[in-house]
């Protein structure tokens, strides 16, 4: 039973990398990935604060990245 929930650090790492990449590369895709990782962390892994922060940073990163991409291209 303990082995089922051992992928929490992997989800956190993927979520933060996606949130940071949302500022620079493929804003919509990486923003959605970060939001999904936050939702999974909140619902399945009971990491409510970390999941909420990932959701917020994913949304903000996607929007700011999209604006920066629009301004520089």
C-alpha atoms as a PDB file:
ATOM      1  CA  UNK A   1       0.000   0.000   0.000  1.00  0.00           C
ATOM      2  CA  UNK A   2       2.897   2.366   0.691  1.00  0.00           C
ATOM      3  CA  UNK A   3       4.319   2.006  -2.823  1.00  0.00           C
ATOM      4  CA  UNK A   4       1.218   3.481  -4.445  1.00  0.00           C
ATOM      5  CA  UNK A   5       1.872   7.105  -3.366  1.00  0.00           C
ATOM      6  CA  UNK A   6       5.647   7.329  -3.814  1.00  0.00           C
ATOM      7  CA  UNK A   7       5.510   9.384  -7.016  1.00  0.00           C
ATOM      8  CA  UNK A   8       4.640  12.659  -5.263  1.00  0.00           C
ATOM      9  CA  UNK A   9       8.171  14.152  -5.674  1.00  0.00           C
ATOM     10  CA  UNK A  10       8.118  13.311  -9.384  1.00  0.00           C
ATOM     11  CA  UNK A  11       4.780  15.081  -9.858  1.00  0.00           C
ATOM     12  CA  UNK A  12       6.023  18.105  -7.928  1.00  0.00           C
ATOM     13  CA  UNK A  13       9.183  18.275 -10.062  1.00  0.00           C
ATOM     14  CA  UNK A  14       7.270  17.925 -13.341  1.00  0.00           C
ATOM     15  CA  UNK A  15       4.774  20.545 -12.192  1.00  0.00           C
ATOM     16  CA  UNK A  16       7.411  23.131 -11.280  1.00  0.00           C
ATOM     17  CA  UNK A  17       9.444  22.557 -14.423  1.00  0.00           C
ATOM     18  CA  UNK A  18       6.273  22.963 -16.486  1.00  0.00           C
ATOM     19  CA  UNK A  19       5.335  26.119 -14.578  1.00  0.00           C
ATOM     20  CA  UNK A  20       8.759  27.632 -15.264  1.00  0.00           C
ATOM     21  CA  UNK A  21       8.715  26.572 -18.921  1.00  0.00           C
ATOM     22  CA  UNK A  22       5.296  28.222 -19.292  1.00  0.00           C
ATOM     23  CA  UNK A  23       7.048  31.595 -19.117  1.00  0.00           C
ATOM     24  CA  UNK A  24       9.261  30.812 -22.117  1.00  0.00           C
ATOM     25  CA  UNK A  25       8.211  27.812 -24.253  1.00  0.00           C
ATOM     26  CA  UNK A  26       4.755  26.690 -25.438  1.00  0.00           C
ATOM     27  CA  UNK A  27       2.867  28.728 -22.868  1.00  0.00           C
ATOM     28  CA  UNK A  28      -0.497  27.055 -23.286  1.00  0.00           C
ATOM     29  CA  UNK A  29       0.826  23.494 -23.151  1.00  0.00           C
ATOM     30  CA  UNK A  30       3.152  23.916 -20.178  1.00  0.00           C
ATOM     31  CA  UNK A  31       0.623  26.047 -18.312  1.00  0.00           C
ATOM     32  CA  UNK A  32      -1.993  23.312 -18.673  1.00  0.00           C
ATOM     33  CA  UNK A  33       0.508  20.636 -17.587  1.00  0.00           C
ATOM     34  CA  UNK A  34       1.345  22.642 -14.439  1.00  0.00           C
ATOM     35  CA  UNK A  35      -2.338  23.139 -13.673  1.00  0.00           C
ATOM     36  CA  UNK A  36      -3.043  19.420 -14.132  1.00  0.00           C
ATOM     37  CA  UNK A  37      -0.151  18.470 -11.845  1.00  0.00           C
ATOM     38  CA  UNK A  38      -1.521  20.856  -9.227  1.00  0.00           C
ATOM     39  CA  UNK A  39      -4.975  19.312  -9.485  1.00  0.00           C
ATOM     40  CA  UNK A  40      -3.590  15.780  -9.174  1.00  0.00           C
ATOM     41  CA  UNK A  41      -1.506  16.785  -6.165  1.00  0.00           C
ATOM     42  CA  UNK A  42      -4.526  18.357  -4.465  1.00  0.00           C
ATOM     43  CA  UNK A  43      -6.955  15.530  -5.150  1.00  0.00           C
ATOM     44  CA  UNK A  44      -4.899  12.335  -5.023  1.00  0.00           C
ATOM     45  CA  UNK A  45      -1.848  13.173  -2.916  1.00  0.00           C
ATOM     46  CA  UNK A  46      -3.451  15.528  -0.367  1.00  0.00           C
ATOM     47  CA  UNK A  47      -0.834  18.238  -0.939  1.00  0.00           C
ATOM     48  CA  UNK A  48      -3.390  21.036  -0.916  1.00  0.00           C
ATOM     49  CA  UNK A  49      -1.039  24.013  -0.513  1.00  0.00           C
ATOM     50  CA  UNK A  50       1.523  22.790  -3.022  1.00  0.00           C
ATOM     51  CA  UNK A  51      -1.177  21.895  -5.532  1.00  0.00           C
ATOM     52  CA  UNK A  52      -2.866  25.275  -5.198  1.00  0.00           C
ATOM     53  CA  UNK A  53       0.426  27.105  -5.682  1.00  0.00           C
ATOM     54  CA  UNK A  54       1.154  25.051  -8.811  1.00  0.00           C
ATOM     55  CA  UNK A  55      -2.296  25.821 -10.212  1.00  0.00           C
ATOM     56  CA  UNK A  56      -1.854  29.558  -9.617  1.00  0.00           C
ATOM     57  CA  UNK A  57       1.709  29.654 -10.961  1.00  0.00           C
ATOM     58  CA  UNK A  58       0.643  27.614 -14.009  1.00  0.00           C
ATOM     59  CA  UNK A  59      -2.103  30.104 -14.823  1.00  0.00           C
ATOM     60  CA  UNK A  60       0.083  33.151 -14.215  1.00  0.00           C
ATOM     61  CA  UNK A  61       3.033  31.636 -16.088  1.00  0.00           C
ATOM     62  CA  UNK A  62       0.887  30.825 -19.088  1.00  0.00           C
ATOM     63  CA  UNK A  63      -0.638  34.285 -19.242  1.00  0.00           C
ATOM     64  CA  UNK A  64       2.584  36.218 -18.645  1.00  0.00           C
ATOM     65  CA  UNK A  65       4.507  33.990 -21.049  1.00  0.00           C
ATOM     66  CA  UNK A  66       1.852  34.490 -23.695  1.00  0.00           C
ATOM     67  CA  UNK A  67       1.999  38.283 -23.231  1.00  0.00           C
ATOM     68  CA  UNK A  68       5.800  38.322 -23.345  1.00  0.00           C
ATOM     69  CA  UNK A  69       5.778  36.178 -26.458  1.00  0.00           C
ATOM     70  CA  UNK A  70       3.295  38.514 -28.100  1.00  0.00           C
ATOM     71  CA  UNK A  71       5.347  41.605 -27.243  1.00  0.00           C
ATOM     72  CA  UNK A  72       8.703  40.264 -28.453  1.00  0.00           C
ATOM     73  CA  UNK A  73       7.650  38.633 -31.705  1.00  0.00           C
END
